[in-house]
Amino acid sequence: MTRTDSFFALSSGRPAGTPYAQTVHDLGRLVLPSGRLEASDPFVSLGESLVVTVPAGTYPVRVTVADVSDEQDGSHLREAYLSVVLAEGEVARVEGLVPEGTSGADDHDEDDERLHGVGVDAGTVAFADAEAVRTAMPEGDWYEDLFDDGTDTSWFARMDDPAHLRAGCANIVLPLATAGENLVLAHSGWGDGWYPVLGSYAADGTLLGVHIDLLVAGEQEEDDEDEDAA
């Protein structure tokens, strides 16, 4: 179980346990008709990434952004969590979620807990309905035809347009959607890497949210070289 005192998703201000001020931003709603929620790097592994099962529905998606500047003046912002909000309530526990098709642990170990997560190679993470990706994405070269086609509606352009939602984030209806099936994406904090997928739960066991932890918030460990030099 991940300690709730080291979990800062959806918290504004400066929560105890992290040196960074945070803001939470609404990214619209995610349509999940199948309840099969995929977390991916959309430019690398869309349709081939981790899937967890949640109740079917349409849910808010929010990004928690941390101010990591030394001056805490908003000059250096990084995405800290991308979250699908399934229900409102007080978080009593946080756990790594086990994806479909797996029963054991992967190779990543944090504080003796093994977690499943998303590998990122294009500096971006996203949530989408896994069945919608299968049925509402066209054939062909997605990179050339959708991601970077040179138009203002390309996925890269939408993500970089501060007038859309905010710079670094986008909510995009899938090309062949028939009922608003979409994808919500955000830059992945410090960039490429591996990021755990966590579930937040109420005391009664209700799953409140699914979160990609971009490993930005919280007390940062000193570099080993710095410690050796001290």
Protein backbone atom coordinates (compact mmCIF):
# COMPACT_ATOMS: atom_id res chain seq x y z
CA MET A 1 0.00 0.00 0.00
CA THR A 2 1.26 3.48 -0.89
CA ARG A 3 1.14 5.79 2.11
CA THR A 4 -1.50 8.48 1.86
CA ASP A 5 0.94 10.99 3.36
CA SER A 6 3.07 10.67 0.22
CA PHE A 7 0.13 10.95 -2.18
CA PHE A 8 -0.69 14.47 -3.32
CA ALA A 9 -2.99 14.09 -6.33
CA LEU A 10 -5.88 16.57 -6.60
CA SER A 11 -4.57 18.66 -3.66
CA SER A 12 -4.18 22.43 -4.14
CA GLY A 13 -1.92 24.67 -2.10
CA ARG A 14 1.16 23.17 -0.47
CA PRO A 15 0.21 19.84 1.10
CA ALA A 16 2.26 18.64 4.06
CA GLY A 17 5.03 16.35 2.83
CA THR A 18 5.91 18.16 -0.40
CA PRO A 19 7.95 21.34 -0.82
CA TYR A 20 5.95 22.38 -3.87
CA ALA A 21 2.80 24.44 -4.23
CA GLN A 22 0.21 22.72 -6.40
CA THR A 23 -2.73 23.67 -8.57
CA VAL A 24 -5.41 21.37 -9.95
CA HIS A 25 -6.81 21.91 -13.44
CA ASP A 26 -9.93 20.47 -15.08
CA LEU A 27 -9.29 18.71 -18.39
CA GLY A 28 -12.91 17.96 -19.20
CA ARG A 29 -14.50 14.53 -19.10
CA LEU A 30 -13.45 11.11 -20.31
CA VAL A 31 -16.01 8.82 -21.93
CA LEU A 32 -15.55 5.22 -20.76
CA PRO A 33 -18.35 3.14 -22.26
CA SER A 34 -16.58 -0.19 -21.68
CA GLY A 35 -15.06 0.61 -18.29
CA ARG A 36 -11.70 -0.65 -19.57
CA LEU A 37 -9.44 2.28 -18.75
CA GLU A 38 -6.13 2.38 -20.60
CA ALA A 39 -3.16 4.39 -19.30
CA SER A 40 -0.49 4.90 -21.96
CA ASP A 41 2.08 7.04 -23.64
CA PRO A 42 -0.35 7.86 -26.46
CA PHE A 43 2.35 8.58 -29.03
CA VAL A 44 4.12 5.27 -28.43
CA SER A 45 1.87 2.63 -26.87
CA LEU A 46 -1.76 3.64 -27.45
CA GLY A 47 -3.84 0.47 -27.71
CA GLU A 48 -1.01 -1.67 -26.33
CA SER A 49 -0.63 -0.41 -22.77
CA LEU A 50 -1.86 -1.09 -19.25
CA VAL A 51 -5.65 -1.51 -18.81
CA VAL A 52 -7.57 -1.49 -15.52
CA THR A 53 -11.28 -2.14 -15.04
CA VAL A 54 -13.51 0.57 -13.54
CA PRO A 55 -17.27 1.17 -13.65
CA ALA A 56 -18.39 2.29 -17.10
CA GLY A 57 -19.38 5.94 -17.29
CA THR A 58 -18.19 9.44 -18.06
CA TYR A 59 -15.77 10.97 -15.57
CA PRO A 60 -13.84 14.19 -14.91
CA VAL A 61 -10.12 14.17 -15.63
CA ARG A 62 -7.81 16.53 -13.75
CA VAL A 63 -4.13 17.31 -13.81
CA THR A 64 -2.26 18.27 -10.66
CA VAL A 65 0.56 20.69 -11.47
CA ALA A 66 3.47 21.36 -9.10
CA ASP A 67 5.54 24.53 -8.97
CA VAL A 68 9.07 23.14 -8.69
CA SER A 69 10.83 26.51 -8.92
CA ASP A 70 13.24 27.39 -6.11
CA GLU A 71 11.44 30.71 -5.66
CA GLN A 72 7.97 29.14 -5.74
CA ASP A 73 6.94 31.90 -8.13
CA GLY A 74 5.30 29.78 -10.82
CA SER A 75 8.28 30.03 -13.15
CA HIS A 76 8.82 26.26 -13.37
CA LEU A 77 5.71 24.10 -13.53
CA ARG A 78 5.59 20.34 -13.93
CA GLU A 79 2.65 17.95 -14.20
CA ALA A 80 2.62 15.78 -11.08
CA TYR A 81 -0.45 13.56 -11.53
CA LEU A 82 -2.99 12.80 -14.25
CA SER A 83 -6.20 11.59 -12.60
CA VAL A 84 -9.57 10.16 -13.57
CA VAL A 85 -12.05 11.04 -10.81
CA LEU A 86 -14.52 8.18 -10.40
CA ALA A 87 -16.22 9.39 -7.20
CA GLU A 88 -15.89 12.16 -4.64
CA GLY A 89 -14.77 11.31 -1.12
CA GLU A 90 -11.92 11.32 1.37
CA VAL A 91 -8.96 9.15 0.46
CA ALA A 92 -8.33 6.49 3.11
CA ARG A 93 -5.77 4.40 1.24
CA VAL A 94 -3.79 4.36 -1.99
CA GLU A 95 -2.69 1.19 -3.76
CA GLY A 96 -1.07 0.17 -6.99
CA LEU A 97 -3.64 -1.16 -9.45
CA VAL A 98 -3.22 -4.56 -11.08
CA PRO A 99 -3.88 -4.43 -14.83
CA GLU A 100 -5.96 -6.85 -16.84
CA GLY A 101 -4.11 -10.01 -17.76
CA THR A 102 -1.68 -9.88 -14.85
CA SER A 103 -1.73 -11.38 -11.40
CA GLY A 104 1.81 -10.80 -10.20
CA ALA A 105 4.11 -7.84 -9.89
CA ASP A 106 6.27 -6.10 -12.44
CA ASP A 107 9.91 -5.20 -11.98
CA HIS A 108 9.47 -1.86 -10.23
CA ASP A 109 9.79 -1.85 -6.47
CA GLU A 110 9.07 1.16 -4.26
CA ASP A 111 9.33 0.78 -0.49
CA ASP A 112 8.83 -3.01 -0.79
CA GLU A 113 5.65 -2.54 -2.82
CA ARG A 114 5.60 -3.71 -6.40
CA LEU A 115 3.64 -1.48 -8.73
CA HIS A 116 2.43 -1.56 -12.30
CA GLY A 117 2.84 1.50 -14.45
CA VAL A 118 3.32 3.19 -17.79
CA GLY A 119 6.55 3.39 -19.72
CA VAL A 120 6.96 6.79 -21.40
CA ASP A 121 9.21 7.55 -24.37
CA ALA A 122 7.46 10.63 -25.82
CA GLY A 123 7.08 12.75 -22.69
CA THR A 124 3.32 12.27 -22.53
CA VAL A 125 0.73 10.19 -20.65
CA ALA A 126 -2.94 9.66 -21.40
CA PHE A 127 -6.16 7.97 -20.39
CA ALA A 128 -8.67 6.48 -22.86
CA ASP A 129 -11.26 3.73 -23.09
CA ALA A 130 -9.37 0.69 -24.37
CA GLU A 131 -12.30 -0.54 -26.46
CA ALA A 132 -12.75 2.93 -27.96
CA VAL A 133 -9.12 2.95 -29.01
CA ARG A 134 -9.72 -0.36 -30.76
CA THR A 135 -12.86 0.79 -32.60
CA ALA A 136 -12.48 4.56 -32.99
CA MET A 137 -8.89 4.89 -34.20
CA PRO A 138 -8.37 4.62 -37.97
CA GLU A 139 -5.98 2.43 -39.85
CA GLY A 140 -2.84 3.98 -41.25
CA ASP A 141 0.09 5.94 -39.89
CA TRP A 142 -1.19 7.66 -36.75
CA TYR A 143 1.94 9.77 -36.42
CA GLU A 144 1.70 11.25 -39.92
CA ASP A 145 -2.09 11.37 -40.10
CA LEU A 146 -3.04 12.47 -36.57
CA PHE A 147 -0.23 13.21 -34.16
CA ASP A 148 1.83 15.58 -36.31
CA ASP A 149 0.01 16.24 -39.57
CA GLY A 150 1.00 19.92 -39.74
CA THR A 151 -2.46 21.29 -38.92
CA ASP A 152 -3.85 23.15 -35.92
CA THR A 153 -5.91 20.08 -35.04
CA SER A 154 -3.00 17.65 -34.85
CA TRP A 155 -2.59 16.06 -31.43
CA PHE A 156 0.75 17.81 -30.91
CA ALA A 157 -0.77 21.18 -31.82
CA ARG A 158 -3.75 20.67 -29.51
CA MET A 159 -1.44 19.72 -26.66
CA ASP A 160 0.71 22.83 -27.17
CA ASP A 161 -2.24 25.24 -27.52
CA PRO A 162 -2.82 27.13 -24.24
CA ALA A 163 -6.22 28.25 -25.52
CA HIS A 164 -7.45 24.65 -25.80
CA LEU A 165 -7.19 23.63 -22.13
CA ARG A 166 -3.74 24.60 -20.93
CA ALA A 167 -0.34 24.19 -22.54
CA GLY A 168 0.79 20.60 -22.21
CA CYS A 169 -2.68 19.04 -21.99
CA ALA A 170 -5.47 18.13 -24.41
CA ASN A 171 -8.85 16.42 -24.59
CA ILE A 172 -9.28 14.91 -28.05
CA VAL A 173 -12.26 13.09 -29.55
CA LEU A 174 -11.07 9.96 -31.34
CA PRO A 175 -11.38 10.17 -35.15
CA LEU A 176 -14.03 7.46 -35.60
CA ALA A 177 -15.95 8.12 -32.38
CA THR A 178 -19.71 7.72 -32.53
CA ALA A 179 -20.56 8.71 -28.95
CA GLY A 180 -17.86 11.17 -27.96
CA GLU A 181 -15.20 8.57 -27.14
CA ASN A 182 -12.04 10.49 -26.42
CA LEU A 183 -8.54 10.60 -25.02
CA VAL A 184 -7.15 12.98 -22.39
CA LEU A 185 -3.41 13.55 -22.33
CA ALA A 186 -0.78 15.58 -20.50
CA HIS A 187 2.95 16.07 -20.49
CA SER A 188 4.61 13.61 -18.14
CA GLY A 189 6.21 15.76 -15.48
CA TRP A 190 9.98 15.42 -15.91
CA GLY A 191 9.57 13.60 -19.24
CA ASP A 192 10.39 10.04 -20.24
CA GLY A 193 10.57 7.27 -17.68
CA TRP A 194 8.33 4.84 -15.86
CA TYR A 195 5.31 6.02 -13.85
CA PRO A 196 3.11 3.98 -11.47
CA VAL A 197 -0.66 3.77 -11.86
CA LEU A 198 -2.40 4.09 -8.48
CA GLY A 199 -5.94 3.74 -7.17
CA SER A 200 -7.27 5.95 -4.39
CA TYR A 201 -9.95 4.41 -2.14
CA ALA A 202 -12.47 5.59 0.43
CA ALA A 203 -12.67 3.87 3.81
CA ASP A 204 -15.56 1.71 2.59
CA GLY A 205 -13.50 0.41 -0.34
CA THR A 206 -15.01 2.63 -3.04
CA LEU A 207 -12.49 3.34 -5.79
CA LEU A 208 -12.36 7.14 -5.92
CA GLY A 209 -9.84 7.65 -8.68
CA VAL A 210 -7.14 6.28 -10.95
CA HIS A 211 -3.92 8.27 -11.06
CA ILE A 212 -0.69 8.24 -13.04
CA ASP A 213 1.91 9.38 -10.51
CA LEU A 214 4.53 11.36 -12.47
CA LEU A 215 6.96 11.24 -9.54
CA VAL A 216 7.24 15.01 -9.20
CA ALA A 217 5.50 15.73 -5.88
CA GLY A 218 6.92 14.86 -2.48
CA GLU A 219 10.25 15.35 -0.81
CA GLN A 220 13.00 14.82 -3.35
CA GLU A 221 15.93 12.59 -2.42
CA GLU A 222 19.39 14.11 -2.58
CA ASP A 223 21.67 12.91 -5.33
CA ASP A 224 24.11 10.25 -4.12
CA GLU A 225 27.06 12.25 -5.45
CA ASP A 226 25.89 15.30 -3.49
CA GLU A 227 25.62 13.19 -0.35
CA ASP A 228 29.14 11.79 -0.88
CA ALA A 229 30.51 15.30 -1.36
CA ALA A 230 28.85 16.64 1.80
